[in-house]
Amino acid sequence: MSMPRRHQICRVGKSAFLNHHQRLRLVGGVNPDGAWWTITEAAAIAGIEGKRWSFFVTHQGRQFDVIVATSKYGSKYLMTTLDRLQPEGLLALPECRQ
């Protein structure tokens, strides 16, 4: 089995919801050719769980993996290994330009 392709997330699309498991809508980054990519949070979760992709963010020069977490309500959401409960590491990223 091949290794998942690794991508840096450097921007996000946020929702108006306050619950931590509903805050993100989109994640995005830059391909090696310089083209921007954007996918839904659900697609990113499916890619991680299907071992097609892995994601990371960079904070203060260090890389932190993006993982799938599950809320107490059973909803899946993305967060970084640096985060505790809320996906602060992702929510602190710049907003996606749509």
Protein backbone atom coordinates (compact mmCIF):
# COMPACT_ATOMS: atom_id res chain seq x y z
CA MET A 1 0.00 0.00 0.00
CA SER A 2 1.34 3.43 -0.91
CA MET A 3 1.85 6.24 1.55
CA PRO A 4 -0.82 8.95 1.65
CA ARG A 5 0.08 12.12 -0.22
CA ARG A 6 1.01 14.86 2.26
CA HIS A 7 -0.37 18.37 1.85
CA GLN A 8 0.04 21.56 3.85
CA ILE A 9 -3.17 23.36 4.79
CA CYS A 10 -2.54 27.10 4.77
CA ARG A 11 -6.07 28.51 4.52
CA VAL A 12 -9.58 27.59 5.63
CA GLY A 13 -13.21 28.46 5.00
CA LYS A 14 -15.15 29.05 8.19
CA SER A 15 -18.84 28.71 8.97
CA ALA A 16 -20.93 30.89 11.26
CA PHE A 17 -21.51 27.99 13.66
CA LEU A 18 -20.06 28.22 17.16
CA ASN A 19 -19.69 24.48 17.89
CA HIS A 20 -16.09 23.38 17.34
CA HIS A 21 -17.15 20.43 15.19
CA GLN A 22 -19.06 22.76 12.82
CA ARG A 23 -16.61 25.67 12.50
CA LEU A 24 -14.71 24.58 9.36
CA ARG A 25 -16.23 24.23 5.89
CA LEU A 26 -13.17 24.20 3.63
CA VAL A 27 -9.42 23.66 3.81
CA GLY A 28 -6.90 24.64 1.19
CA GLY A 29 -3.28 24.95 0.24
CA VAL A 30 -0.89 25.26 -2.68
CA ASN A 31 0.17 22.48 -5.07
CA PRO A 32 3.83 22.10 -6.08
CA ASP A 33 2.98 23.86 -9.38
CA GLY A 34 1.74 26.92 -7.46
CA ALA A 35 -1.97 26.32 -8.11
CA TRP A 36 -4.29 26.73 -5.11
CA TRP A 37 -6.50 23.81 -4.09
CA THR A 38 -9.57 23.86 -1.84
CA ILE A 39 -11.67 20.93 -0.64
CA THR A 40 -14.50 20.53 1.84
CA GLU A 41 -13.80 19.44 5.38
CA ALA A 42 -15.82 16.26 4.67
CA ALA A 43 -13.59 15.45 1.66
CA ALA A 44 -10.46 16.00 3.76
CA ILE A 45 -11.82 13.70 6.49
CA ALA A 46 -12.65 11.02 3.88
CA GLY A 47 -9.15 11.37 2.39
CA ILE A 48 -7.47 10.97 5.78
CA GLU A 49 -9.63 8.02 6.77
CA GLY A 50 -9.15 6.41 3.35
CA LYS A 51 -5.37 6.91 3.70
CA ARG A 52 -5.24 8.81 0.38
CA TRP A 53 -4.05 12.07 1.95
CA SER A 54 -2.43 13.38 5.08
CA PHE A 55 -2.40 17.03 6.03
CA PHE A 56 -0.32 19.31 8.22
CA VAL A 57 -0.10 22.94 9.26
CA THR A 58 3.01 24.94 10.08
CA HIS A 59 3.11 26.95 13.30
CA GLN A 60 6.22 28.84 14.46
CA GLY A 61 8.39 26.86 12.05
CA ARG A 62 7.16 23.43 13.17
CA GLN A 63 4.82 21.01 11.41
CA PHE A 64 1.74 19.65 13.16
CA ASP A 65 -0.40 16.88 11.68
CA VAL A 66 -4.08 17.43 10.97
CA ILE A 67 -6.17 14.63 12.42
CA VAL A 68 -9.81 13.57 12.49
CA ALA A 69 -11.47 14.11 15.86
CA THR A 70 -14.97 13.15 17.00
CA SER A 71 -17.18 15.49 19.04
CA LYS A 72 -19.19 14.30 22.00
CA TYR A 73 -22.17 14.30 19.61
CA GLY A 74 -20.41 11.86 17.27
CA SER A 75 -19.62 14.42 14.54
CA LYS A 76 -16.21 14.18 12.89
CA TYR A 77 -14.10 17.30 12.41
CA LEU A 78 -10.52 18.30 11.68
CA MET A 79 -8.03 19.58 14.23
CA THR A 80 -4.25 19.63 14.61
CA THR A 81 -2.14 17.58 17.00
CA LEU A 82 -1.33 20.89 18.71
CA ASP A 83 -5.00 21.56 19.55
CA ARG A 84 -6.88 20.36 22.61
CA LEU A 85 -10.63 20.39 21.89
CA GLN A 86 -11.25 23.28 19.49
CA PRO A 87 -9.50 23.35 16.10
CA GLU A 88 -7.64 26.59 16.97
CA GLY A 89 -4.64 25.72 14.81
CA LEU A 90 -6.83 25.54 11.71
CA LEU A 91 -9.17 28.39 12.62
CA ALA A 92 -6.17 30.73 13.03
CA LEU A 93 -5.27 30.29 9.34
CA PRO A 94 -6.26 32.90 6.75
CA GLU A 95 -9.70 32.69 5.17
CA CYS A 96 -10.05 31.04 1.75
CA ARG A 97 -10.76 33.38 -1.13
CA GLN A 98 -13.78 31.95 -2.92
